[in-house]
């Protein structure tokens, strides 16, 4: 066991120990690969999470925005939810000239948007209402694309509106089934089901805007217009159940984060409690982020496996050129390369963690593979140089 631990832990630093791979089994390659996945995962997670407090402390403009948010609206935390006395959206304020944008919209995430439906010609010319589109012939309809425009006005399902939807759906089999179960449902749930059935029946699919939900929601406006955009930065979005932040540190590092309010102390938010609010919100997202980074590492599996495989092939070709018969078999070079993998990935994880303090989060997730490839490549070159010197010194 002691001999194996010595081989597994020190082969990266010693050519003599690494050469023991020739007589060891393939299981060492598997173990090294598993440790590589573990170390890279830990490196990515640490690089994205550990530097956050430092980044936030060194982002004076974003901190000023957070403090200002507590003064712009009365924000209250209760039962892992945030409520505000007003809605704020500086993106829609043409007179707003600050570098950072602020959005405060604590209406329920399930609230419906009172959207506008319209159609535009595929050639890009002209816009008509959806009612005008329905009056067209089938041939003319084929020239138009269906679109919606979010209004950020909440649609309240009044009894009058629901009655209109019921009138439209009257006679349809799906509505008959829904109507038959009305007495067993809560009033608001019934209204929502009627409205959603009406949308499904009257309009084309909303999947281009709403994904699987197929219902235009208030929250979707922010996802469609801001949160899913690759160029979103320098902004704070405070919703009732989640927060999204994008900021640039005073040193120029771009950071993005999200989080919920489970650990945030209840009460009115003030400038004095704003920092703790941000820290606790981010901390609540770590477990979710860990799952995301775990999926990222799983996507790395083919690349992690390919690096030692390719380097072993390069080493085999170089040693064949040097006429070193000890490495006649490719599997010998492969086992040596895999013996470097565990420690090489640990070094890559440590370098990635350090880079988390200096690089944006967008770069960190793909960085470990690049670093690992570089580390193993350098180690392979050192090994080949060592073998070359041995052969040159003792050609027999």
Protein backbone atom coordinates (compact mmCIF):
# COMPACT_ATOMS: atom_id res chain seq x y z
CA UNK A 1 0.00 0.00 0.00
CA UNK A 2 2.84 2.36 0.91
CA UNK A 3 4.51 1.64 -2.41
CA UNK A 4 1.29 2.35 -4.31
CA UNK A 5 0.68 5.62 -2.47
CA UNK A 6 4.22 6.66 -3.28
CA UNK A 7 3.64 5.86 -6.94
CA UNK A 8 0.24 7.52 -7.09
CA UNK A 9 1.28 10.69 -5.29
CA UNK A 10 4.85 11.22 -6.49
CA UNK A 11 4.97 9.92 -10.07
CA UNK A 12 4.20 13.42 -11.33
CA UNK A 13 7.39 14.71 -9.69
CA UNK A 14 9.72 11.79 -10.39
CA UNK A 15 10.46 10.10 -13.72
CA UNK A 16 11.89 7.15 -11.86
CA UNK A 17 8.66 6.59 -9.97
CA UNK A 18 6.52 7.31 -13.04
CA UNK A 19 8.28 4.54 -14.94
CA UNK A 20 6.83 2.05 -12.45
CA UNK A 21 3.60 2.44 -14.43
CA UNK A 22 5.02 -0.12 -16.88
CA UNK A 23 4.50 -2.86 -14.32
CA UNK A 24 1.29 -1.58 -12.76
CA UNK A 25 -2.28 -2.31 -13.77
CA UNK A 26 -4.80 -0.29 -15.76
CA UNK A 27 -6.84 0.29 -12.57
CA UNK A 28 -4.41 3.09 -11.68
CA UNK A 29 -5.50 4.90 -14.84
CA UNK A 30 -9.13 4.68 -13.77
CA UNK A 31 -8.37 5.91 -10.25
CA UNK A 32 -6.32 8.79 -11.62
CA UNK A 33 -9.16 9.75 -13.94
CA UNK A 34 -11.69 9.75 -11.09
CA UNK A 35 -9.43 11.95 -8.97
CA UNK A 36 -9.02 14.29 -11.94
CA UNK A 37 -12.80 14.76 -12.14
CA UNK A 38 -12.98 15.38 -8.40
CA UNK A 39 -10.14 17.91 -8.32
CA UNK A 40 -11.39 19.81 -11.36
CA UNK A 41 -14.89 20.00 -9.90
CA UNK A 42 -13.53 21.36 -6.63
CA UNK A 43 -11.35 23.83 -8.50
CA UNK A 44 -14.22 25.17 -10.61
CA UNK A 45 -16.55 25.41 -7.60
CA UNK A 46 -13.96 27.16 -5.44
CA UNK A 47 -12.92 29.55 -8.21
CA UNK A 48 -16.51 30.64 -8.78
CA UNK A 49 -17.62 30.85 -5.14
CA UNK A 50 -14.73 31.62 -2.79
CA UNK A 51 -13.66 34.96 -4.35
CA UNK A 52 -17.21 36.40 -4.38
CA UNK A 53 -16.99 38.35 -1.12
CA UNK A 54 -13.67 39.84 -2.21
CA UNK A 55 -15.09 40.81 -5.60
CA UNK A 56 -18.12 42.42 -4.00
CA UNK A 57 -16.04 44.40 -1.51
CA UNK A 58 -13.94 45.69 -4.42
CA UNK A 59 -16.89 46.84 -6.53
CA UNK A 60 -17.68 50.33 -5.26
CA UNK A 61 -20.15 51.16 -8.05
CA UNK A 62 -22.21 48.01 -7.54
CA UNK A 63 -22.24 48.43 -3.77
CA UNK A 64 -23.53 51.96 -4.27
CA UNK A 65 -26.29 50.52 -6.47
CA UNK A 66 -27.25 47.99 -3.79
CA UNK A 67 -27.36 50.68 -1.12
CA UNK A 68 -29.37 52.91 -3.44
CA UNK A 69 -31.88 50.11 -4.07
CA UNK A 70 -32.80 50.10 -0.37
CA UNK A 71 -33.54 53.82 -0.61
CA UNK A 72 -35.29 53.75 -3.98
CA UNK A 73 -37.93 51.29 -2.78
CA UNK A 74 -39.03 49.97 0.59
CA UNK A 75 -37.72 46.40 0.47
CA UNK A 76 -38.91 43.90 3.06
CA UNK A 77 -37.82 40.28 3.51
CA UNK A 78 -40.41 37.86 4.86
CA UNK A 79 -40.64 34.07 4.59
CA UNK A 80 -37.83 33.87 1.99
CA UNK A 81 -39.59 36.45 -0.17
CA UNK A 82 -38.87 40.09 -0.91
CA UNK A 83 -41.64 42.64 -1.29
CA UNK A 84 -41.37 46.25 -2.44
CA UNK A 85 -43.67 49.25 -2.37
CA UNK A 86 -43.00 50.04 -6.02
CA UNK A 87 -41.69 48.64 -9.30
CA UNK A 88 -38.42 50.04 -10.63
CA UNK A 89 -36.95 49.49 -14.09
CA UNK A 90 -34.21 51.90 -15.13
CA UNK A 91 -33.92 50.19 -18.51
CA UNK A 92 -37.20 51.86 -19.44
CA UNK A 93 -36.19 55.29 -18.15
CA UNK A 94 -34.66 57.21 -21.06
CA UNK A 95 -33.38 59.90 -18.73
CA UNK A 96 -31.42 57.37 -16.62
CA UNK A 97 -27.73 57.85 -17.37
CA UNK A 98 -25.96 55.74 -14.72
CA UNK A 99 -23.57 52.91 -15.62
CA UNK A 100 -25.58 50.40 -13.56
CA UNK A 101 -29.22 49.47 -14.12
CA UNK A 102 -31.67 48.57 -11.36
CA UNK A 103 -34.79 46.42 -11.63
CA UNK A 104 -37.10 45.84 -8.68
CA UNK A 105 -40.20 43.83 -9.50
CA UNK A 106 -41.53 41.75 -6.65
CA UNK A 107 -44.81 40.77 -8.23
CA UNK A 108 -45.32 36.97 -8.09
CA UNK A 109 -43.26 34.95 -10.55
CA UNK A 110 -46.50 33.31 -11.74
CA UNK A 111 -48.21 36.64 -12.56
CA UNK A 112 -49.48 36.85 -16.13
CA UNK A 113 -48.33 39.57 -18.50
CA UNK A 114 -51.06 41.48 -20.33
CA UNK A 115 -49.19 40.98 -23.59
CA UNK A 116 -49.95 42.31 -27.05
CA UNK A 117 -50.16 39.81 -29.90
CA UNK A 118 -49.29 40.94 -33.41
CA UNK A 119 -47.98 39.63 -36.71
CA UNK A 120 -45.32 40.91 -39.08
CA UNK A 121 -44.59 40.02 -42.67
CA UNK A 122 -41.72 37.60 -43.14
CA UNK A 123 -40.17 40.20 -45.40
CA UNK A 124 -40.06 42.49 -42.38
CA UNK A 125 -42.52 45.00 -43.78
CA UNK A 126 -45.69 45.98 -41.96
CA UNK A 127 -47.32 44.99 -38.68
CA UNK A 128 -50.92 43.97 -38.10
CA UNK A 129 -52.90 42.94 -35.03
CA UNK A 130 -53.61 39.30 -34.37
CA UNK A 131 -57.32 39.94 -34.97
CA UNK A 132 -56.47 41.33 -38.42
CA UNK A 133 -54.28 38.31 -39.07
CA UNK A 134 -57.14 35.93 -38.31
CA UNK A 135 -59.28 37.69 -40.93
CA UNK A 136 -56.74 36.96 -43.69
CA UNK A 137 -56.95 34.08 -46.13
CA UNK A 138 -54.79 31.02 -45.49
CA UNK A 139 -52.56 32.07 -48.39
CA UNK A 140 -52.00 35.54 -46.92
CA UNK A 141 -51.48 34.14 -43.41
CA UNK A 142 -48.50 32.18 -44.68
CA UNK A 143 -46.69 35.48 -45.33
CA UNK A 144 -46.76 36.48 -41.63
CA UNK A 145 -44.97 35.49 -38.45
CA UNK A 146 -46.72 35.54 -35.07
CA UNK A 147 -45.09 37.61 -32.33
CA UNK A 148 -45.92 38.97 -28.90
CA UNK A 149 -44.93 42.13 -27.09
CA UNK A 150 -44.64 42.11 -23.30
CA UNK A 151 -46.22 45.12 -21.60
CA UNK A 152 -45.08 44.55 -18.00
CA UNK A 153 -48.68 45.15 -16.98
CA UNK A 154 -50.12 42.38 -14.83
CA UNK A 155 -53.21 40.67 -16.22
CA UNK A 156 -55.83 40.32 -13.50
CA UNK A 157 -58.28 37.53 -14.20
CA UNK A 158 -61.55 39.25 -13.32
CA UNK A 159 -64.88 37.44 -13.46
CA UNK A 160 -65.74 39.41 -16.61
CA UNK A 161 -62.60 38.34 -18.42
CA UNK A 162 -63.03 34.71 -17.39
CA UNK A 163 -66.62 34.82 -18.65
CA UNK A 164 -65.33 35.97 -22.06
CA UNK A 165 -62.84 33.12 -22.17
CA UNK A 166 -65.56 30.63 -21.17
CA UNK A 167 -67.79 31.93 -23.94
CA UNK A 168 -65.02 31.44 -26.49
CA UNK A 169 -64.24 27.92 -25.23
CA UNK A 170 -67.89 26.86 -25.02
CA UNK A 171 -68.56 23.64 -26.90
CA UNK A 172 -64.95 22.42 -26.84
CA UNK A 173 -64.25 19.02 -25.27
CA UNK A 174 -61.29 20.19 -23.13
CA UNK A 175 -63.36 23.00 -21.66
CA UNK A 176 -66.23 20.64 -20.91
CA UNK A 177 -63.88 18.49 -18.84
CA UNK A 178 -62.51 21.56 -17.05
CA UNK A 179 -65.98 22.96 -16.40
CA UNK A 180 -67.11 19.64 -14.95
CA UNK A 181 -64.37 19.78 -12.31
CA UNK A 182 -64.99 23.44 -11.42
CA UNK A 183 -66.72 22.59 -8.15
CA UNK A 184 -63.67 20.66 -6.94
CA UNK A 185 -61.19 23.47 -7.63
CA UNK A 186 -60.28 26.71 -5.92
CA UNK A 187 -61.64 29.76 -7.71
CA UNK A 188 -58.24 31.20 -8.66
CA UNK A 189 -56.96 27.84 -9.92
CA UNK A 190 -60.05 27.47 -12.10
CA UNK A 191 -59.59 30.97 -13.55
CA UNK A 192 -55.96 30.21 -14.36
CA UNK A 193 -56.84 26.94 -16.07
CA UNK A 194 -59.54 28.64 -18.15
CA UNK A 195 -57.14 31.40 -19.19
CA UNK A 196 -54.36 28.98 -20.09
CA UNK A 197 -56.76 26.83 -22.12
CA UNK A 198 -57.97 29.97 -23.88
CA UNK A 199 -54.41 30.94 -24.81
CA UNK A 200 -53.68 27.44 -26.05
CA UNK A 201 -56.83 27.45 -28.19
CA UNK A 202 -56.87 31.01 -29.52
CA UNK A 203 -53.18 31.70 -30.18
CA UNK A 204 -50.36 29.76 -31.82
CA UNK A 205 -47.78 28.19 -29.51
CA UNK A 206 -45.81 30.60 -27.32
CA UNK A 207 -42.86 28.23 -27.11
CA UNK A 208 -40.60 30.68 -28.96
CA UNK A 209 -41.04 33.08 -26.04
CA UNK A 210 -41.96 30.99 -23.03
CA UNK A 211 -40.35 27.61 -23.55
CA UNK A 212 -42.30 24.77 -21.97
CA UNK A 213 -44.64 26.98 -19.94
CA UNK A 214 -46.29 28.45 -23.06
CA UNK A 215 -47.85 31.22 -20.94
CA UNK A 216 -46.63 34.84 -21.19
CA UNK A 217 -45.57 35.83 -17.69
CA UNK A 218 -44.39 39.13 -16.25
CA UNK A 219 -41.09 37.57 -15.23
CA UNK A 220 -40.51 36.38 -18.78
CA UNK A 221 -40.09 39.95 -19.96
CA UNK A 222 -36.87 40.21 -18.01
CA UNK A 223 -35.58 36.85 -19.17
CA UNK A 224 -36.32 37.56 -22.83
CA UNK A 225 -35.01 41.12 -22.87
CA UNK A 226 -32.17 41.03 -20.35
CA UNK A 227 -31.24 37.95 -18.34
CA UNK A 228 -30.70 35.60 -21.28
CA UNK A 229 -28.69 38.15 -23.25
CA UNK A 230 -24.98 37.42 -23.50
CA UNK A 231 -24.13 41.12 -23.15
CA UNK A 232 -26.02 41.74 -19.89
CA UNK A 233 -23.75 43.37 -17.31
CA UNK A 234 -23.68 45.97 -14.55
CA UNK A 235 -27.22 45.45 -13.32
CA UNK A 236 -29.20 44.27 -10.29
CA UNK A 237 -32.52 42.44 -10.61
CA UNK A 238 -34.52 41.99 -7.41
CA UNK A 239 -37.54 39.72 -7.78
CA UNK A 240 -39.80 38.30 -5.10
CA UNK A 241 -38.08 34.91 -4.95
CA UNK A 242 -34.66 35.38 -6.55
CA UNK A 243 -31.99 37.99 -7.22
CA UNK A 244 -29.64 38.36 -10.19
CA UNK A 245 -26.56 40.54 -10.11
CA UNK A 246 -23.99 41.54 -12.71
CA UNK A 247 -21.10 43.80 -11.76
CA UNK A 248 -17.55 44.76 -12.59
CA UNK A 249 -15.00 45.09 -9.82
CA UNK A 250 -12.81 48.13 -9.49
CA UNK A 251 -10.06 45.95 -10.96
CA UNK A 252 -12.09 45.13 -14.07
CA UNK A 253 -13.22 41.58 -13.21
CA UNK A 254 -16.75 40.85 -14.46
CA UNK A 255 -18.91 38.87 -12.02
CA UNK A 256 -22.41 37.46 -12.34
CA UNK A 257 -24.41 35.72 -9.62
CA UNK A 258 -27.88 34.77 -8.47
CA UNK A 259 -29.47 33.60 -5.27
CA UNK A 260 -32.60 33.19 -3.19
CA UNK A 261 -33.52 34.55 0.22
CA UNK A 262 -33.80 31.48 2.47
CA UNK A 263 -30.98 32.59 4.79
CA UNK A 264 -31.62 36.34 4.65
CA UNK A 265 -32.79 37.79 8.00
CA UNK A 266 -36.39 38.96 7.92
CA UNK A 267 -37.23 42.64 8.10
CA UNK A 268 -36.81 45.88 6.19
CA UNK A 269 -33.62 46.14 4.14
CA UNK A 270 -31.43 49.16 4.80
CA UNK A 271 -28.05 50.35 3.61
CA UNK A 272 -26.59 48.90 6.82
CA UNK A 273 -27.95 45.41 6.14
CA UNK A 274 -27.51 45.49 2.36
CA UNK A 275 -24.07 43.84 2.32
CA UNK A 276 -25.26 40.91 4.45
CA UNK A 277 -28.28 40.64 2.19
CA UNK A 278 -26.04 40.17 -0.86
CA UNK A 279 -23.70 37.73 0.92
CA UNK A 280 -26.54 35.55 2.19
CA UNK A 281 -28.31 35.64 -1.16
CA UNK A 282 -25.20 34.45 -2.94
CA UNK A 283 -24.50 31.78 -0.31
CA UNK A 284 -27.96 30.32 -0.90
CA UNK A 285 -27.05 29.66 -4.52
CA UNK A 286 -23.89 27.63 -3.85
CA UNK A 287 -25.67 24.26 -3.71
CA UNK A 288 -27.45 24.97 -7.00
CA UNK A 289 -24.21 26.23 -8.53
CA UNK A 290 -22.46 23.04 -7.40
CA UNK A 291 -24.92 20.99 -9.45
CA UNK A 292 -24.33 23.22 -12.46
CA UNK A 293 -20.55 22.93 -12.14
CA UNK A 294 -20.86 19.17 -11.68
CA UNK A 295 -22.69 18.98 -15.01
CA UNK A 296 -19.95 21.14 -16.51
CA UNK A 297 -17.29 18.72 -15.29
CA UNK A 298 -19.22 15.78 -16.74
CA UNK A 299 -19.12 17.54 -20.11
CA UNK A 300 -15.35 17.72 -19.65
CA UNK A 301 -15.02 13.92 -19.44
CA UNK A 302 -14.15 13.33 -23.13
CA UNK A 303 -11.56 16.13 -23.03
CA UNK A 304 -9.99 14.96 -19.78
CA UNK A 305 -9.64 11.47 -21.24
CA UNK A 306 -8.36 12.76 -24.59
CA UNK A 307 -5.49 14.78 -23.12
CA UNK A 308 -3.38 11.86 -21.77
CA UNK A 309 -4.36 9.70 -24.76
CA UNK A 310 -3.00 12.26 -27.24
CA UNK A 311 0.06 13.05 -25.15
CA UNK A 312 0.82 9.33 -24.86
CA UNK A 313 0.67 9.06 -28.65
CA UNK A 314 3.05 12.01 -29.02
CA UNK A 315 5.38 10.49 -26.43
CA UNK A 316 5.26 7.10 -28.19
CA UNK A 317 6.18 8.65 -31.54
CA UNK A 318 9.01 10.67 -29.97
CA UNK A 319 10.42 7.63 -28.12
CA UNK A 320 10.15 5.51 -31.25
CA UNK A 321 12.17 8.14 -33.06
CA UNK A 322 14.74 7.94 -30.25
CA UNK A 323 14.69 4.14 -30.64
CA UNK A 324 13.91 3.62 -26.94
CA UNK A 325 12.72 -0.01 -26.85
CA UNK A 326 11.41 0.29 -23.27
CA UNK A 327 8.40 2.13 -24.68
CA UNK A 328 7.74 -0.01 -27.70
CA UNK A 329 4.15 -0.55 -26.58
CA UNK A 330 1.77 2.41 -26.69
CA UNK A 331 0.05 1.20 -23.50
CA UNK A 332 3.25 1.82 -21.53
CA UNK A 333 3.25 5.49 -22.52
CA UNK A 334 -0.48 5.67 -21.84
CA UNK A 335 -0.11 4.35 -18.28
CA UNK A 336 2.71 6.81 -17.61
CA UNK A 337 0.59 9.73 -18.84
CA UNK A 338 -2.33 8.65 -16.67
CA UNK A 339 0.00 8.44 -13.68
CA UNK A 340 0.42 12.21 -14.03
CA UNK A 341 -3.32 12.88 -14.20
CA UNK A 342 -4.30 13.07 -10.52
CA UNK A 343 -1.56 15.47 -9.40
CA UNK A 344 -1.75 17.35 -12.70
CA UNK A 345 -5.46 17.97 -12.20
CA UNK A 346 -4.84 19.02 -8.57
CA UNK A 347 -2.35 21.63 -9.77
CA UNK A 348 -4.83 22.72 -12.44
CA UNK A 349 -7.56 23.10 -9.81
CA UNK A 350 -5.29 25.22 -7.60
CA UNK A 351 -4.33 27.46 -10.51
CA UNK A 352 -8.01 27.78 -11.49
CA UNK A 353 -8.89 28.73 -7.92
CA UNK A 354 -6.24 31.48 -7.91
CA UNK A 355 -7.46 32.70 -11.31
CA UNK A 356 -10.94 33.09 -9.79
CA UNK A 357 -9.69 36.26 -8.10
CA UNK A 358 -8.49 37.79 -11.37
CA UNK A 359 -10.67 36.47 -14.19
CA UNK A 360 -14.36 36.79 -15.00
CA UNK A 361 -16.70 33.91 -14.23
CA UNK A 362 -17.34 33.44 -17.97
CA UNK A 363 -13.74 32.29 -18.44
CA UNK A 364 -13.37 30.12 -15.35
CA UNK A 365 -15.54 27.18 -16.37
CA UNK A 366 -13.46 26.21 -19.40
CA UNK A 367 -10.12 27.20 -17.89
CA UNK A 368 -9.33 23.93 -16.01
CA UNK A 369 -9.13 21.88 -19.21
CA UNK A 370 -6.76 24.37 -20.82
CA UNK A 371 -4.58 24.46 -17.71
CA UNK A 372 -4.64 20.66 -17.35
CA UNK A 373 -3.56 20.23 -20.98
CA UNK A 374 -0.74 22.71 -20.47
CA UNK A 375 0.43 21.12 -17.20
CA UNK A 376 0.46 17.58 -18.62
CA UNK A 377 2.11 18.77 -21.83
CA UNK A 378 4.93 20.42 -19.87
CA UNK A 379 5.32 17.27 -17.75
CA UNK A 380 5.49 15.13 -20.88
CA UNK A 381 8.17 17.36 -22.41
CA UNK A 382 10.22 17.08 -19.22
CA UNK A 383 9.88 13.30 -19.35
CA UNK A 384 10.96 13.15 -23.00
CA UNK A 385 13.94 15.42 -22.36
CA UNK A 386 14.95 13.20 -19.44
CA UNK A 387 14.73 10.08 -21.63
CA UNK A 388 16.68 11.78 -24.40
CA UNK A 389 19.49 12.68 -22.00
CA UNK A 390 19.60 9.12 -20.68
CA UNK A 391 19.82 7.68 -24.19
CA UNK A 392 22.45 10.20 -25.19
CA UNK A 393 24.51 9.37 -22.11
CA UNK A 394 24.12 5.57 -22.34
CA UNK A 395 23.15 4.70 -25.96
CA UNK A 396 23.40 0.92 -25.31
